[in-house]
Amino acid sequence: MASLTVRQLDERLKKLLRMRAARHGRSMEDEVRTILRDAAEAAGHEALDLINPPAPKGAPQPIATSAQPRVLLIIGGGIAAYKSLDLIRRLKERGAAVRCILTKAATEFVTPLAAGALAGGHVFTDLFDPKSEFDVGHIRLARDTDLVVVAPATADLMAKMANGHADDLATAVLLATRAKILLAPAMNTAMWANAATQRNLTQLSLDGVQTIGPNDGEMAEAGESGRGRMAEPGEIAEAAMRLARPRAQPLKGKRVLITSGPTHEPIDPVRYIAAAAAAAGAEVTLVSGPVTLPDPPGVTVIHVESARDMLKSVENALPADVAIFAAAVADWRVANAGGQKIKKKPGAATPELALTENPDILSTIAHLKAQRPPLVIGFAAETENVVANAKAKLARKGCDWILANDVSPATGIMGGDTNTIQMVSASGVESWPPQSKEAVATTLIERVAAALMETKR
């Protein structure tokens, strides 16, 4: 028998392996693993490095430990795709392992190189990529994940999902996955309001797909505004982490009352903590002054304008296990609000406005004899003597905790994303490290749950 060349031997081995894999209904890679595993067991020792060899370059690879949520981010072809690069960073900050798929249209807005650099791995774009399809890559991508996030979810992508299309890598993965799916829709206001889009949204909801947003705001088209803006990366990341790694619900069965936003006092006639509490299982009522933020999901929201309206709504929402007063309530209001617009008259003096003090909502609830929540929490934005002023406010208001934040110009906190909290209570001062607003909310709810457990004992 003539000797075989290395190439001929390689071809024969591949043919035999292909035939054996087909006979057992396995991929070639799985067949190799099975052969090596059987050999290792026969030899009586482990050969983990042989059993789990590195996947071919470009093929889907296991990317996370069991404690690390695996998120597959599908970036759709919309102008909001640039925000998805920030979303990758936000997800990784929260401990997720991220892999990315870009639709063909998405590559017109962001590059696979940019997404891959942020995610720290190969970015997938092609359903028929021979490198990733060596081991039925789209099926591996669909299965080897805890959550699929679609951001931006365009009208076209939602329509394909609702009707079961699978004509590219993204839709094939979405159809094949058994993981939870979170959509962050983004499109023009008219496209969002279109009956077809709303019909597709209803079908996706019935299929168990969850959504976040869209938000209200300016559109990419000049002069247009309305609902259709993709939710902000921080919002999407928080929602994704709640789905990928469901948190314990230490506040299940508890009622939490929260105030937020400013109040407006009429001269002329004219939400992170709530989400964190809801994620912890609480029944949350949010009494909110005028804000431009969307209502947090899973929360009962009562919209008010004035401090008196807010106090009345808060009292009506009692009893509660916890009351958190985060609203920046105006201290004063006009004693006699005008019924008509105050007209400016040539030569006339500036009108005198008599002011009267607004009700102190935090103090009122903290001093209740009946229906006082077991835990009443206030906030203090201070520019100097942060702890001293917070201690004085704690005593004056009669609440249980004050969360004080240094908002002096040097900190850059006003309008920023980071807070440094000093939690002041009768037992002392607890300094929290600088952290995002979402992280502050999560930490606060953890402290609330622990306090209620301690009280129960």
Protein backbone atom coordinates (compact mmCIF):
# COMPACT_ATOMS: atom_id res chain seq x y z
CA MET A 1 0.00 0.00 0.00
CA ALA A 2 1.41 3.33 -1.07
CA SER A 3 2.16 5.71 1.74
CA LEU A 4 -0.26 8.59 2.27
CA THR A 5 0.73 12.21 2.26
CA VAL A 6 -0.16 14.36 5.27
CA ARG A 7 -2.79 16.13 3.20
CA GLN A 8 -4.37 12.87 2.05
CA LEU A 9 -4.42 11.55 5.62
CA ASP A 10 -6.03 14.76 6.82
CA GLU A 11 -8.72 14.53 4.16
CA ARG A 12 -9.49 10.86 5.03
CA LEU A 13 -9.70 11.63 8.74
CA LYS A 14 -12.06 14.54 8.06
CA LYS A 15 -14.25 12.30 5.89
CA LEU A 16 -14.40 9.59 8.56
CA LEU A 17 -15.15 12.17 11.24
CA ARG A 18 -17.90 13.72 9.10
CA MET A 19 -19.50 10.31 8.52
CA ARG A 20 -19.33 9.42 12.22
CA ALA A 21 -20.79 12.82 13.24
CA ALA A 22 -23.65 12.42 10.75
CA ARG A 23 -24.37 8.91 12.03
CA HIS A 24 -24.69 10.18 15.60
CA GLY A 25 -26.54 13.37 14.67
CA ARG A 26 -23.79 15.58 16.09
CA SER A 27 -21.67 18.41 14.76
CA MET A 28 -18.05 17.64 13.88
CA GLU A 29 -16.81 19.63 16.89
CA ASP A 30 -19.12 17.76 19.28
CA GLU A 31 -18.03 14.46 17.75
CA VAL A 32 -14.36 15.33 18.41
CA ARG A 33 -15.23 16.20 21.99
CA THR A 34 -17.07 12.89 22.44
CA ILE A 35 -14.12 10.89 21.09
CA LEU A 36 -11.68 12.71 23.38
CA ARG A 37 -13.97 12.36 26.39
CA ASP A 38 -14.30 8.60 25.82
CA ALA A 39 -10.53 8.33 25.45
CA ALA A 40 -9.95 10.29 28.66
CA GLU A 41 -12.36 8.09 30.62
CA ALA A 42 -10.74 4.94 29.24
CA ALA A 43 -7.34 6.22 30.33
CA GLY A 44 -8.73 6.92 33.80
CA HIS A 45 -7.82 10.58 33.98
CA GLU A 46 -9.25 13.94 33.07
CA ALA A 47 -8.29 15.73 29.91
CA LEU A 48 -10.29 18.89 30.19
CA ASP A 49 -8.05 20.86 27.89
CA LEU A 50 -8.56 18.27 25.17
CA ILE A 51 -12.26 17.86 25.79
CA ASN A 52 -12.90 21.59 25.57
CA PRO A 53 -10.51 22.90 22.94
CA PRO A 54 -10.69 26.56 21.90
CA ALA A 55 -13.43 27.23 19.35
CA PRO A 56 -12.33 28.23 15.85
CA LYS A 57 -11.53 31.90 15.43
CA GLY A 58 -14.76 33.82 14.94
CA ALA A 59 -16.96 31.06 16.32
CA PRO A 60 -19.24 31.70 19.32
CA GLN A 61 -17.33 31.02 22.51
CA PRO A 62 -18.45 30.54 26.10
CA ILE A 63 -17.84 33.97 27.61
CA ALA A 64 -19.07 33.95 31.17
CA THR A 65 -18.92 32.17 34.45
CA SER A 66 -22.15 30.97 36.04
CA ALA A 67 -22.18 34.10 38.20
CA GLN A 68 -21.79 36.40 35.21
CA PRO A 69 -24.95 37.12 33.22
CA ARG A 70 -24.50 36.51 29.50
CA VAL A 71 -26.13 39.17 27.35
CA LEU A 72 -26.38 38.94 23.57
CA LEU A 73 -26.86 42.44 22.17
CA ILE A 74 -28.44 42.73 18.75
CA ILE A 75 -27.88 46.18 17.27
CA GLY A 76 -30.49 47.16 14.72
CA GLY A 77 -30.11 49.58 11.84
CA GLY A 78 -31.32 52.89 13.23
CA ILE A 79 -29.73 56.23 14.03
CA ALA A 80 -29.88 55.26 17.73
CA ALA A 81 -27.35 52.48 17.04
CA TYR A 82 -24.58 54.80 18.23
CA LYS A 83 -26.13 54.67 21.73
CA SER A 84 -25.68 50.91 21.75
CA LEU A 85 -21.94 51.37 22.01
CA ASP A 86 -22.53 53.11 25.34
CA LEU A 87 -24.98 50.35 26.25
CA ILE A 88 -22.19 47.75 25.90
CA ARG A 89 -20.13 49.74 28.40
CA ARG A 90 -23.07 50.10 30.79
CA LEU A 91 -23.80 46.37 30.69
CA LYS A 92 -20.17 45.48 31.36
CA GLU A 93 -20.05 47.95 34.26
CA ARG A 94 -22.89 45.97 35.81
CA GLY A 95 -21.00 42.69 35.50
CA ALA A 96 -22.49 41.31 32.29
CA ALA A 97 -20.54 39.45 29.62
CA VAL A 98 -21.59 40.88 26.26
CA ARG A 99 -21.55 39.50 22.74
CA CYS A 100 -22.83 41.47 19.77
CA ILE A 101 -24.67 40.89 16.54
CA LEU A 102 -24.94 43.73 14.03
CA THR A 103 -27.59 43.65 11.35
CA LYS A 104 -26.49 44.64 7.86
CA ALA A 105 -28.21 48.00 8.28
CA ALA A 106 -26.54 48.54 11.68
CA THR A 107 -23.10 48.43 10.04
CA GLU A 108 -24.08 51.63 8.21
CA PHE A 109 -24.16 53.41 11.59
CA VAL A 110 -21.54 51.64 13.73
CA THR A 111 -18.66 49.36 12.82
CA PRO A 112 -18.08 45.79 14.03
CA LEU A 113 -14.61 46.96 15.06
CA ALA A 114 -16.02 49.58 17.46
CA ALA A 115 -18.57 47.19 18.97
CA GLY A 116 -15.99 44.41 19.26
CA ALA A 117 -13.47 46.68 20.96
CA LEU A 118 -16.02 47.60 23.64
CA ALA A 119 -17.45 44.09 24.05
CA GLY A 120 -14.01 42.50 24.05
CA GLY A 121 -14.74 39.83 21.47
CA HIS A 122 -15.76 38.93 17.94
CA VAL A 123 -18.84 40.68 16.52
CA PHE A 124 -21.19 38.59 14.39
CA THR A 125 -22.83 39.96 11.24
CA ASP A 126 -23.37 37.15 8.74
CA LEU A 127 -25.74 34.19 8.95
CA PHE A 128 -23.62 32.28 6.43
CA ASP A 129 -20.19 33.05 7.88
CA PRO A 130 -18.32 29.71 7.47
CA LYS A 131 -16.18 30.41 10.54
CA SER A 132 -19.08 30.81 12.94
CA GLU A 133 -21.29 28.25 11.18
CA PHE A 134 -18.72 25.43 11.69
CA ASP A 135 -20.82 24.41 14.69
CA VAL A 136 -24.21 25.83 13.68
CA GLY A 137 -23.17 29.22 15.05
CA HIS A 138 -26.56 30.94 15.10
CA ILE A 139 -27.99 28.13 17.24
CA ARG A 140 -25.03 28.34 19.64
CA LEU A 141 -25.48 32.12 19.87
CA ALA A 142 -29.20 31.66 20.53
CA ARG A 143 -28.68 29.10 23.29
CA ASP A 144 -25.47 30.26 24.96
CA THR A 145 -27.00 33.38 26.51
CA ASP A 146 -29.16 34.43 29.45
CA LEU A 147 -30.80 37.39 27.72
CA VAL A 148 -31.10 38.83 24.24
CA VAL A 149 -31.30 42.63 24.06
CA VAL A 150 -32.33 44.31 20.81
CA ALA A 151 -31.28 47.96 20.80
CA PRO A 152 -32.28 49.76 18.77
CA ALA A 153 -35.28 47.65 17.81
CA THR A 154 -36.40 49.18 14.53
CA ALA A 155 -39.91 48.94 13.12
CA ASP A 156 -38.63 46.52 10.47
CA LEU A 157 -36.91 44.27 13.01
CA MET A 158 -40.03 44.21 15.22
CA ALA A 159 -42.17 43.32 12.20
CA LYS A 160 -39.87 40.41 11.31
CA MET A 161 -39.90 39.14 14.90
CA ALA A 162 -43.69 39.36 15.19
CA ASN A 163 -44.10 37.33 12.00
CA GLY A 164 -41.37 34.75 12.61
CA HIS A 165 -38.95 35.76 9.87
CA ALA A 166 -35.39 34.40 9.97
CA ASP A 167 -33.66 35.76 6.89
CA ASP A 168 -30.50 37.04 8.55
CA LEU A 169 -28.36 36.22 11.58
CA ALA A 170 -30.23 38.51 14.00
CA THR A 171 -33.72 37.21 13.18
CA ALA A 172 -32.50 33.59 13.04
CA VAL A 173 -31.09 33.93 16.56
CA LEU A 174 -34.25 35.64 17.82
CA LEU A 175 -36.37 32.82 16.43
CA ALA A 176 -34.10 30.10 17.80
CA THR A 177 -33.44 31.45 21.28
CA ARG A 178 -35.12 30.19 24.44
CA ALA A 179 -33.74 33.09 26.47
CA LYS A 180 -35.70 36.15 27.52
CA ILE A 181 -35.81 38.98 25.00
CA LEU A 182 -35.77 42.71 25.80
CA LEU A 183 -36.53 45.22 23.05
CA ALA A 184 -35.60 48.90 23.11
CA PRO A 185 -37.71 50.30 20.25
CA ALA A 186 -36.44 53.34 18.37
CA MET A 187 -38.10 54.95 15.36
CA ASN A 188 -39.84 58.04 14.08
CA THR A 189 -42.95 59.07 16.02
CA ALA A 190 -45.25 58.36 13.06
CA MET A 191 -43.73 54.91 12.59
CA TRP A 192 -44.21 54.11 16.29
CA ALA A 193 -47.84 55.27 16.21
CA ASN A 194 -48.60 53.35 13.01
CA ALA A 195 -51.23 50.66 13.45
CA ALA A 196 -48.92 47.99 11.99
CA THR A 197 -46.19 48.72 14.53
CA GLN A 198 -48.66 48.72 17.41
CA ARG A 199 -50.13 45.44 16.13
CA ASN A 200 -46.64 43.92 16.00
CA LEU A 201 -45.91 45.23 19.50
CA THR A 202 -49.07 43.57 20.82
CA GLN A 203 -48.10 40.26 19.23
CA LEU A 204 -44.57 40.43 20.63
CA SER A 205 -45.97 41.15 24.08
CA LEU A 206 -48.25 38.11 23.79
CA ASP A 207 -45.16 36.09 22.81
CA GLY A 208 -43.49 37.08 26.08
CA VAL A 209 -41.09 39.67 24.65
CA GLN A 210 -40.47 42.59 27.01
CA THR A 211 -39.86 46.19 26.03
CA ILE A 212 -38.36 49.32 27.52
CA GLY A 213 -39.30 52.66 26.02
CA PRO A 214 -39.49 54.32 23.67
CA ASN A 215 -39.17 57.70 25.35
CA ASP A 216 -40.47 61.10 24.33
CA GLY A 217 -38.07 63.61 22.80
CA GLU A 218 -36.65 65.13 19.66
CA MET A 219 -36.38 62.96 16.57
CA ALA A 220 -33.46 62.73 14.17
CA GLU A 221 -35.61 64.57 11.64
CA ALA A 222 -35.32 68.33 12.14
CA GLY A 223 -38.24 69.89 13.95
CA GLU A 224 -39.95 66.62 14.88
CA SER A 225 -40.50 65.40 18.41
CA GLY A 226 -42.65 62.88 20.22
CA ARG A 227 -42.51 59.28 21.33
CA GLY A 228 -39.96 57.13 19.53
CA ARG A 229 -36.54 57.89 21.06
CA MET A 230 -34.67 54.82 22.26
CA ALA A 231 -34.49 54.55 26.04
CA GLU A 232 -31.21 55.76 27.48
CA PRO A 233 -28.39 53.18 27.80
CA GLY A 234 -28.51 53.30 31.61
CA GLU A 235 -32.23 52.54 31.63
CA ILE A 236 -31.80 49.63 29.22
CA ALA A 237 -28.85 48.22 31.17
CA GLU A 238 -30.79 48.29 34.44
CA ALA A 239 -33.80 46.57 32.86
CA ALA A 240 -31.52 44.02 31.19
CA MET A 241 -29.76 43.11 34.42
CA ARG A 242 -33.07 42.65 36.23
CA LEU A 243 -34.09 40.14 33.54
CA ALA A 244 -30.72 38.42 33.12
CA ARG A 245 -30.10 38.04 36.81
CA PRO A 246 -33.39 38.32 38.68
CA ARG A 247 -32.78 39.81 42.09
CA ALA A 248 -34.17 38.55 45.35
CA GLN A 249 -37.34 40.35 46.36
CA PRO A 250 -36.82 41.23 50.02
CA LEU A 251 -39.62 43.81 49.90
CA LYS A 252 -42.27 41.45 48.52
CA GLY A 253 -45.54 42.20 50.30
CA LYS A 254 -44.31 45.61 51.49
CA ARG A 255 -45.76 48.97 50.47
CA VAL A 256 -43.33 51.75 49.56
CA LEU A 257 -44.39 55.37 49.11
CA ILE A 258 -42.02 57.67 47.23
CA THR A 259 -42.14 61.32 46.18
CA SER A 260 -40.06 62.68 43.33
CA GLY A 261 -39.60 65.61 41.02
CA PRO A 262 -40.17 69.29 41.73
CA THR A 263 -43.48 70.94 42.51
CA HIS A 264 -44.77 73.97 40.66
CA GLU A 265 -46.51 76.73 42.53
CA PRO A 266 -48.95 78.70 40.35
CA ILE A 267 -48.48 82.44 40.06
CA ASP A 268 -50.26 82.53 36.73
CA PRO A 269 -52.73 79.75 35.94
CA VAL A 270 -50.75 78.00 34.08
CA ARG A 271 -37.83 57.90 38.92
CA TYR A 272 -34.42 55.24 39.94
CA ILE A 273 -35.55 54.55 43.51
CA ALA A 274 -39.08 53.56 42.50
CA ALA A 275 -37.77 51.11 39.90
CA ALA A 276 -35.33 49.58 42.42
CA ALA A 277 -38.10 49.16 45.01
CA ALA A 278 -40.39 47.54 42.44
CA ALA A 279 -37.58 45.19 41.39
CA ALA A 280 -37.28 44.20 45.06
CA GLY A 281 -40.91 43.07 45.00
CA ALA A 282 -42.53 46.05 46.72
CA GLU A 283 -45.90 47.54 45.86
CA VAL A 284 -44.72 51.04 44.96
CA THR A 285 -46.69 54.28 44.78
CA LEU A 286 -44.77 57.18 43.27
CA VAL A 287 -46.19 60.66 43.82
CA SER A 288 -44.38 62.77 41.26
CA GLY A 289 -44.18 66.44 40.49
CA PRO A 290 -43.77 67.58 36.87
CA VAL A 291 -40.89 65.66 35.25
CA THR A 292 -40.03 64.76 31.67
CA LEU A 293 -38.94 61.21 32.54
CA PRO A 294 -41.19 58.28 31.59
CA ASP A 295 -43.06 56.53 34.41
CA PRO A 296 -41.01 53.59 35.76
CA PRO A 297 -42.52 50.18 34.93
CA GLY A 298 -44.39 48.25 37.61
CA VAL A 299 -45.10 51.38 39.67
CA THR A 300 -48.35 53.21 40.44
CA VAL A 301 -47.67 56.84 39.55
CA ILE A 302 -49.71 59.81 40.77
CA HIS A 303 -48.88 63.06 38.99
CA VAL A 304 -49.23 66.32 40.93
CA GLU A 305 -48.28 69.97 40.47
CA SER A 306 -48.18 71.73 43.85
CA ALA A 307 -46.89 70.86 47.31
CA ARG A 308 -50.44 70.79 48.67
CA ASP A 309 -51.46 68.34 45.95
CA MET A 310 -48.44 66.20 46.79
CA LEU A 311 -49.21 66.13 50.52
CA LYS A 312 -52.83 65.20 49.87
CA SER A 313 -51.82 62.37 47.51
CA VAL A 314 -49.21 61.11 50.00
CA GLU A 315 -51.76 61.03 52.83
CA ASN A 316 -54.25 59.20 50.60
CA ALA A 317 -51.57 56.61 49.76
CA LEU A 318 -51.04 55.63 53.40
CA PRO A 319 -50.57 53.21 55.08
CA ALA A 320 -47.10 52.25 53.87
CA ASP A 321 -44.16 50.32 55.29
CA VAL A 322 -41.65 52.83 53.96
CA ALA A 323 -41.95 56.45 52.85
CA ILE A 324 -39.09 57.93 50.85
CA PHE A 325 -39.26 61.67 50.25
CA ALA A 326 -36.93 62.50 47.37
CA ALA A 327 -38.96 65.35 45.88
CA ALA A 328 -37.55 68.87 45.77
CA VAL A 329 -40.64 70.59 47.12
CA ALA A 330 -40.92 74.36 46.88
CA ASP A 331 -40.75 75.97 50.32
CA TRP A 332 -43.06 78.84 49.42
CA ARG A 333 -46.09 79.55 47.26
CA VAL A 334 -48.01 82.67 46.35
CA ALA A 335 -50.70 83.31 48.96
CA ASN A 336 -53.33 84.28 46.39
CA ALA A 337 -52.60 82.79 42.99
CA GLY A 338 -53.92 84.89 40.13
CA GLY A 339 -56.86 83.56 38.18
CA GLN A 340 -55.61 85.31 35.05
CA LYS A 341 -52.25 86.09 33.52
CA ILE A 342 -50.56 89.02 35.21
CA LYS A 343 -50.25 91.65 32.49
CA LYS A 344 -47.24 93.92 32.24
CA LYS A 345 -48.36 97.56 32.04
CA PRO A 346 -46.09 100.37 30.77
CA GLY A 347 -44.79 102.41 33.68
CA ALA A 348 -46.45 100.22 36.28
CA ALA A 349 -44.48 99.04 39.31
CA THR A 350 -43.50 95.42 39.69
CA PRO A 351 -46.45 93.61 41.33
CA GLU A 352 -45.96 92.61 44.94
CA LEU A 353 -46.49 88.92 45.62
CA ALA A 354 -47.44 87.81 49.11
CA LEU A 355 -45.87 84.42 49.90
CA THR A 356 -47.00 81.76 52.31
CA GLU A 357 -45.14 78.70 53.48
CA ASN A 358 -45.87 75.37 51.82
CA PRO A 359 -46.65 72.32 53.95
CA ASP A 360 -43.55 70.37 55.03
CA ILE A 361 -44.45 66.93 53.68
CA LEU A 362 -41.52 65.05 55.21
CA SER A 363 -42.09 66.52 58.68
CA THR A 364 -45.85 66.09 58.47
CA ILE A 365 -45.64 62.38 57.73
CA ALA A 366 -42.74 61.78 60.14
CA HIS A 367 -44.76 63.30 63.02
CA LEU A 368 -47.99 61.39 62.38
CA LYS A 369 -49.37 59.61 65.44
CA ALA A 370 -51.49 57.25 63.35
CA GLN A 371 -50.43 55.61 60.08
CA ARG A 372 -46.81 56.79 60.38
CA PRO A 373 -44.70 54.49 58.19
CA PRO A 374 -42.20 52.46 60.26
CA LEU A 375 -39.38 53.92 58.13
CA VAL A 376 -39.45 57.55 56.95
CA ILE A 377 -36.53 58.70 54.78
CA GLY A 378 -35.64 62.18 53.60
CA PHE A 379 -33.01 63.66 51.32
CA ALA A 380 -30.75 66.67 51.74
CA ALA A 381 -28.79 68.43 48.99
CA GLU A 382 -26.07 70.39 50.75
CA THR A 383 -23.30 72.69 49.56
CA GLU A 384 -21.40 72.89 52.88
CA ASN A 385 -21.25 71.22 56.29
CA VAL A 386 -22.99 68.24 54.74
CA VAL A 387 -23.12 65.90 57.74
CA ALA A 388 -23.82 68.63 60.32
CA ASN A 389 -26.69 70.05 58.28
CA ALA A 390 -28.09 66.55 57.66
CA LYS A 391 -28.04 65.77 61.39
CA ALA A 392 -29.88 69.00 62.11
CA LYS A 393 -32.47 68.20 59.44
CA LEU A 394 -32.93 64.69 60.83
CA ALA A 395 -33.76 66.10 64.26
CA ARG A 396 -35.92 68.90 62.90
CA LYS A 397 -37.99 66.76 60.55
CA GLY A 398 -38.40 63.78 62.89
CA CYS A 399 -37.58 61.23 60.17
CA ASP A 400 -35.50 58.06 60.56
CA TRP A 401 -32.84 58.55 57.88
CA ILE A 402 -31.47 61.46 55.88
CA LEU A 403 -29.52 60.76 52.69
CA ALA A 404 -27.25 63.77 52.27
CA ASN A 405 -25.48 64.63 49.04
CA ASP A 406 -22.78 67.27 48.54
CA VAL A 407 -23.96 69.28 45.53
CA SER A 408 -21.46 72.12 45.74
CA PRO A 409 -20.22 73.25 42.29
CA ALA A 410 -16.79 71.71 42.85
CA THR A 411 -18.27 68.20 42.99
CA GLY A 412 -19.83 68.41 39.54
CA ILE A 413 -22.80 66.39 40.83
CA MET A 414 -25.57 68.72 39.71
CA GLY A 415 -26.49 67.45 36.25
CA GLY A 416 -24.01 64.59 36.51
CA ASP A 417 -24.41 60.84 36.91
CA THR A 418 -22.45 60.24 40.13
CA ASN A 419 -23.44 60.79 43.76
CA THR A 420 -21.58 60.51 47.06
CA ILE A 421 -24.09 59.82 49.82
CA GLN A 422 -23.81 60.25 53.57
CA MET A 423 -26.61 58.28 55.23
CA VAL A 424 -27.38 59.93 58.56
CA SER A 425 -29.50 58.20 61.19
CA ALA A 426 -29.83 58.11 64.97
CA SER A 427 -27.17 55.39 65.07
CA GLY A 428 -24.55 57.37 63.17
CA VAL A 429 -23.25 58.30 59.73
CA GLU A 430 -22.62 55.81 56.92
CA SER A 431 -20.51 57.05 54.02
CA TRP A 432 -21.27 55.48 50.66
CA PRO A 433 -18.64 55.44 47.90
CA PRO A 434 -19.18 57.54 44.75
CA GLN A 435 -21.65 55.67 42.57
CA SER A 436 -24.25 56.14 39.87
CA LYS A 437 -27.81 57.16 40.63
CA GLU A 438 -28.98 53.64 39.79
CA ALA A 439 -26.43 52.19 42.21
CA VAL A 440 -27.50 54.64 44.93
CA ALA A 441 -31.10 53.51 44.46
CA THR A 442 -30.13 49.84 44.68
CA THR A 443 -28.03 50.43 47.81
CA LEU A 444 -30.86 52.36 49.46
CA ILE A 445 -33.40 49.61 48.80
CA GLU A 446 -30.97 47.02 50.19
CA ARG A 447 -30.65 49.09 53.38
CA VAL A 448 -34.43 49.47 53.58
CA ALA A 449 -34.98 45.71 53.26
CA ALA A 450 -32.38 45.00 55.96
CA ALA A 451 -33.95 47.57 58.32
CA LEU A 452 -37.44 46.14 57.89
CA MET A 453 -36.12 42.63 58.55
CA GLU A 454 -34.43 43.86 61.72
CA THR A 455 -37.62 45.61 62.86
CA LYS A 456 -39.60 42.42 62.25
CA ARG A 457 -37.29 40.52 64.62
